[in-house]
């Protein structure tokens, strides 16, 4: 099992309880550090959440992926990254390779600097491209297929 977990943009102070539980139950936790710089304090705070093995994952380790995929075949592995894990193409490619090797994957998305910058700059997602809202009431969902 391979978890792709986004830590958001606020460091360890905003990590959801669900993520802490996943980290604590994992056999191996990799903290990816090449898409965002990480302070020693944050690294230590994450290490303190981990009950299994902990390793810093530099760019080559994630891009190569062999170690992570091998361990994921028989263990619960978490790949932590700041922001959202799928903003970086490397993580999407690793997930694709895991699926090809019949390794179960799960994802916890989180805030990304990309989405945050848009709002902080006063821009609106509605101006970037078509956005559709899926509502609970069926009558409002009739046009969803048109928008997508």
C-alpha atoms as a PDB file:
ATOM      1  CA  UNK A   1       0.000   0.000   0.000  1.00  0.00           C
ATOM      2  CA  UNK A   2       1.379   3.391  -1.009  1.00  0.00           C
ATOM      3  CA  UNK A   3      -0.085   6.592   0.376  1.00  0.00           C
ATOM      4  CA  UNK A   4       0.553   9.938  -1.335  1.00  0.00           C
ATOM      5  CA  UNK A   5      -0.028  12.540   1.367  1.00  0.00           C
ATOM      6  CA  UNK A   6       0.033  16.302   0.979  1.00  0.00           C
ATOM      7  CA  UNK A   7       1.014  18.285   4.061  1.00  0.00           C
ATOM      8  CA  UNK A   8      -0.365  21.579   2.785  1.00  0.00           C
ATOM      9  CA  UNK A   9       1.478  24.871   2.991  1.00  0.00           C
ATOM     10  CA  UNK A  10       1.490  25.590   6.720  1.00  0.00           C
ATOM     11  CA  UNK A  11       3.897  22.939   7.909  1.00  0.00           C
ATOM     12  CA  UNK A  12       3.129  20.532  10.696  1.00  0.00           C
ATOM     13  CA  UNK A  13       0.772  22.854  12.574  1.00  0.00           C
ATOM     14  CA  UNK A  14      -2.002  22.191  10.047  1.00  0.00           C
ATOM     15  CA  UNK A  15      -1.625  18.425   9.559  1.00  0.00           C
ATOM     16  CA  UNK A  16      -5.080  16.803   9.886  1.00  0.00           C
ATOM     17  CA  UNK A  17      -5.663  14.115  12.528  1.00  0.00           C
ATOM     18  CA  UNK A  18      -6.377  11.614   9.725  1.00  0.00           C
ATOM     19  CA  UNK A  19      -2.890  12.199   8.301  1.00  0.00           C
ATOM     20  CA  UNK A  20      -1.235  11.821  11.713  1.00  0.00           C
ATOM     21  CA  UNK A  21      -3.017   8.469  12.124  1.00  0.00           C
ATOM     22  CA  UNK A  22      -1.886   7.277   8.665  1.00  0.00           C
ATOM     23  CA  UNK A  23       1.705   8.324   9.435  1.00  0.00           C
ATOM     24  CA  UNK A  24       1.650   6.542  12.799  1.00  0.00           C
ATOM     25  CA  UNK A  25       0.283   3.311  11.289  1.00  0.00           C
ATOM     26  CA  UNK A  26       2.778   3.244   8.406  1.00  0.00           C
ATOM     27  CA  UNK A  27       5.694   0.846   8.261  1.00  0.00           C
ATOM     28  CA  UNK A  28       7.779   3.307   6.233  1.00  0.00           C
ATOM     29  CA  UNK A  29       7.476   7.093   5.880  1.00  0.00           C
ATOM     30  CA  UNK A  30       9.353   9.033   3.213  1.00  0.00           C
ATOM     31  CA  UNK A  31       9.455  12.827   3.431  1.00  0.00           C
ATOM     32  CA  UNK A  32       9.989  14.306  -0.021  1.00  0.00           C
ATOM     33  CA  UNK A  33      12.144  17.424   0.255  1.00  0.00           C
ATOM     34  CA  UNK A  34      12.970  18.475  -3.300  1.00  0.00           C
ATOM     35  CA  UNK A  35       9.764  20.312  -4.279  1.00  0.00           C
ATOM     36  CA  UNK A  36       9.744  22.420  -1.099  1.00  0.00           C
ATOM     37  CA  UNK A  37      12.509  23.361   1.282  1.00  0.00           C
ATOM     38  CA  UNK A  38      11.898  22.019   4.787  1.00  0.00           C
ATOM     39  CA  UNK A  39      13.263  23.303   8.054  1.00  0.00           C
ATOM     40  CA  UNK A  40      15.019  21.028  10.529  1.00  0.00           C
ATOM     41  CA  UNK A  41      12.244  21.849  13.012  1.00  0.00           C
ATOM     42  CA  UNK A  42       9.520  20.579  10.641  1.00  0.00           C
ATOM     43  CA  UNK A  43      11.572  17.499   9.812  1.00  0.00           C
ATOM     44  CA  UNK A  44      11.919  16.718  13.530  1.00  0.00           C
ATOM     45  CA  UNK A  45       8.199  17.320  14.149  1.00  0.00           C
ATOM     46  CA  UNK A  46       7.314  14.844  11.391  1.00  0.00           C
ATOM     47  CA  UNK A  47       9.860  12.310  12.687  1.00  0.00           C
ATOM     48  CA  UNK A  48       8.128  12.482  16.073  1.00  0.00           C
ATOM     49  CA  UNK A  49       4.834  11.381  14.447  1.00  0.00           C
ATOM     50  CA  UNK A  50       6.414   8.306  12.874  1.00  0.00           C
ATOM     51  CA  UNK A  51       6.339   4.905  14.594  1.00  0.00           C
ATOM     52  CA  UNK A  52       7.940   3.013  11.675  1.00  0.00           C
ATOM     53  CA  UNK A  53      11.011   3.792   9.594  1.00  0.00           C
ATOM     54  CA  UNK A  54      11.620   7.378   8.442  1.00  0.00           C
ATOM     55  CA  UNK A  55      13.692   8.527   5.496  1.00  0.00           C
ATOM     56  CA  UNK A  56      14.265  11.801   3.679  1.00  0.00           C
ATOM     57  CA  UNK A  57      13.400  11.307   0.003  1.00  0.00           C
ATOM     58  CA  UNK A  58      15.543  13.389  -2.295  1.00  0.00           C
ATOM     59  CA  UNK A  59      14.678  13.876  -5.940  1.00  0.00           C
ATOM     60  CA  UNK A  60      16.497  10.820  -7.308  1.00  0.00           C
ATOM     61  CA  UNK A  61      14.805   8.476  -4.809  1.00  0.00           C
ATOM     62  CA  UNK A  62      11.305   9.537  -5.877  1.00  0.00           C
ATOM     63  CA  UNK A  63      12.087   9.777  -9.598  1.00  0.00           C
ATOM     64  CA  UNK A  64      13.727   6.339  -9.611  1.00  0.00           C
ATOM     65  CA  UNK A  65      10.948   5.020  -7.393  1.00  0.00           C
ATOM     66  CA  UNK A  66      12.293   1.463  -7.186  1.00  0.00           C
ATOM     67  CA  UNK A  67      12.883   1.479  -3.436  1.00  0.00           C
ATOM     68  CA  UNK A  68       9.503   3.034  -2.648  1.00  0.00           C
ATOM     69  CA  UNK A  69       7.632   0.633  -4.947  1.00  0.00           C
ATOM     70  CA  UNK A  70       9.506  -2.417  -3.656  1.00  0.00           C
ATOM     71  CA  UNK A  71       8.724  -1.609  -0.024  1.00  0.00           C
ATOM     72  CA  UNK A  72       5.090  -0.747  -0.893  1.00  0.00           C
ATOM     73  CA  UNK A  73       4.405  -4.265  -2.180  1.00  0.00           C
ATOM     74  CA  UNK A  74       4.417  -5.764   1.324  1.00  0.00           C
ATOM     75  CA  UNK A  75       4.192  -2.773   3.674  1.00  0.00           C
ATOM     76  CA  UNK A  76       2.232   0.387   4.339  1.00  0.00           C
ATOM     77  CA  UNK A  77       4.295   3.241   2.923  1.00  0.00           C
ATOM     78  CA  UNK A  78       3.598   6.971   3.113  1.00  0.00           C
ATOM     79  CA  UNK A  79       5.204   9.484   0.767  1.00  0.00           C
ATOM     80  CA  UNK A  80       4.778  12.911   2.359  1.00  0.00           C
ATOM     81  CA  UNK A  81       5.160  16.121   0.406  1.00  0.00           C
ATOM     82  CA  UNK A  82       4.356  19.730   1.087  1.00  0.00           C
ATOM     83  CA  UNK A  83       1.433  21.146  -0.851  1.00  0.00           C
ATOM     84  CA  UNK A  84      -0.657  18.693  -2.853  1.00  0.00           C
ATOM     85  CA  UNK A  85       1.133  15.531  -3.978  1.00  0.00           C
ATOM     86  CA  UNK A  86      -0.145  15.630  -7.552  1.00  0.00           C
ATOM     87  CA  UNK A  87       0.952  19.156  -8.405  1.00  0.00           C
ATOM     88  CA  UNK A  88       4.376  17.560  -8.959  1.00  0.00           C
ATOM     89  CA  UNK A  89       4.376  15.284 -12.003  1.00  0.00           C
ATOM     90  CA  UNK A  90       6.876  12.929 -10.368  1.00  0.00           C
ATOM     91  CA  UNK A  91       4.231  11.772  -7.903  1.00  0.00           C
ATOM     92  CA  UNK A  92       1.671  11.134 -10.643  1.00  0.00           C
ATOM     93  CA  UNK A  93       4.224   9.066 -12.537  1.00  0.00           C
ATOM     94  CA  UNK A  94       5.090   7.085  -9.390  1.00  0.00           C
ATOM     95  CA  UNK A  95       1.387   6.420  -8.736  1.00  0.00           C
ATOM     96  CA  UNK A  96       0.979   5.185 -12.325  1.00  0.00           C
ATOM     97  CA  UNK A  97       3.931   2.825 -11.903  1.00  0.00           C
ATOM     98  CA  UNK A  98       2.502   1.549  -8.603  1.00  0.00           C
ATOM     99  CA  UNK A  99      -0.823   0.770 -10.269  1.00  0.00           C
ATOM    100  CA  UNK A 100       0.980  -1.065 -13.093  1.00  0.00           C
ATOM    101  CA  UNK A 101       2.668  -3.203 -10.423  1.00  0.00           C
ATOM    102  CA  UNK A 102      -0.694  -3.846  -8.701  1.00  0.00           C
ATOM    103  CA  UNK A 103       0.270  -1.828  -5.640  1.00  0.00           C
ATOM    104  CA  UNK A 104      -2.752  -0.279  -3.975  1.00  0.00           C
ATOM    105  CA  UNK A 105      -2.530   3.509  -3.674  1.00  0.00           C
ATOM    106  CA  UNK A 106      -4.429   6.118  -1.696  1.00  0.00           C
ATOM    107  CA  UNK A 107      -4.191   9.878  -1.632  1.00  0.00           C
ATOM    108  CA  UNK A 108      -4.719  12.674   0.858  1.00  0.00           C
ATOM    109  CA  UNK A 109      -4.860  15.982  -1.015  1.00  0.00           C
ATOM    110  CA  UNK A 110      -4.012  19.272   0.624  1.00  0.00           C
ATOM    111  CA  UNK A 111      -3.652  22.963  -0.091  1.00  0.00           C
ATOM    112  CA  UNK A 112      -1.017  23.917  -2.622  1.00  0.00           C
ATOM    113  CA  UNK A 113       0.909  27.139  -3.051  1.00  0.00           C
ATOM    114  CA  UNK A 114      -0.560  27.228  -6.576  1.00  0.00           C
ATOM    115  CA  UNK A 115      -4.153  27.381  -5.352  1.00  0.00           C
ATOM    116  CA  UNK A 116      -3.254  29.680  -2.474  1.00  0.00           C
ATOM    117  CA  UNK A 117      -1.401  32.168  -4.696  1.00  0.00           C
ATOM    118  CA  UNK A 118      -4.417  32.570  -6.945  1.00  0.00           C
ATOM    119  CA  UNK A 119      -6.627  33.575  -4.026  1.00  0.00           C
ATOM    120  CA  UNK A 120      -3.982  35.721  -2.321  1.00  0.00           C
ATOM    121  CA  UNK A 121      -3.434  37.622  -5.572  1.00  0.00           C
ATOM    122  CA  UNK A 122      -7.148  38.407  -5.737  1.00  0.00           C
ATOM    123  CA  UNK A 123      -7.674  36.256  -8.811  1.00  0.00           C
ATOM    124  CA  UNK A 124     -10.576  33.862  -9.280  1.00  0.00           C
ATOM    125  CA  UNK A 125     -10.541  30.284 -10.516  1.00  0.00           C
ATOM    126  CA  UNK A 126     -13.682  31.106 -12.502  1.00  0.00           C
ATOM    127  CA  UNK A 127     -11.547  33.332 -14.758  1.00  0.00           C
ATOM    128  CA  UNK A 128      -8.927  30.626 -15.404  1.00  0.00           C
ATOM    129  CA  UNK A 129     -11.279  28.099 -16.950  1.00  0.00           C
ATOM    130  CA  UNK A 130     -14.703  26.574 -16.649  1.00  0.00           C
ATOM    131  CA  UNK A 131     -15.609  25.578 -13.092  1.00  0.00           C
ATOM    132  CA  UNK A 132     -18.611  23.410 -12.265  1.00  0.00           C
ATOM    133  CA  UNK A 133     -20.204  22.941  -8.860  1.00  0.00           C
ATOM    134  CA  UNK A 134     -21.739  19.568  -8.089  1.00  0.00           C
ATOM    135  CA  UNK A 135     -24.717  20.049  -5.798  1.00  0.00           C
ATOM    136  CA  UNK A 136     -26.784  17.619  -3.748  1.00  0.00           C
ATOM    137  CA  UNK A 137     -30.083  18.624  -5.345  1.00  0.00           C
ATOM    138  CA  UNK A 138     -30.675  16.659  -8.568  1.00  0.00           C
ATOM    139  CA  UNK A 139     -32.443  19.513 -10.344  1.00  0.00           C
ATOM    140  CA  UNK A 140     -29.260  21.593 -10.193  1.00  0.00           C
ATOM    141  CA  UNK A 141     -27.071  18.779 -11.486  1.00  0.00           C
ATOM    142  CA  UNK A 142     -28.797  18.528 -14.869  1.00  0.00           C
ATOM    143  CA  UNK A 143     -26.268  20.861 -16.447  1.00  0.00           C
ATOM    144  CA  UNK A 144     -23.167  19.333 -14.865  1.00  0.00           C
ATOM    145  CA  UNK A 145     -22.508  17.099 -17.883  1.00  0.00           C
ATOM    146  CA  UNK A 146     -22.713  20.134 -20.149  1.00  0.00           C
ATOM    147  CA  UNK A 147     -20.111  21.975 -18.083  1.00  0.00           C
ATOM    148  CA  UNK A 148     -17.721  19.057 -17.868  1.00  0.00           C
END
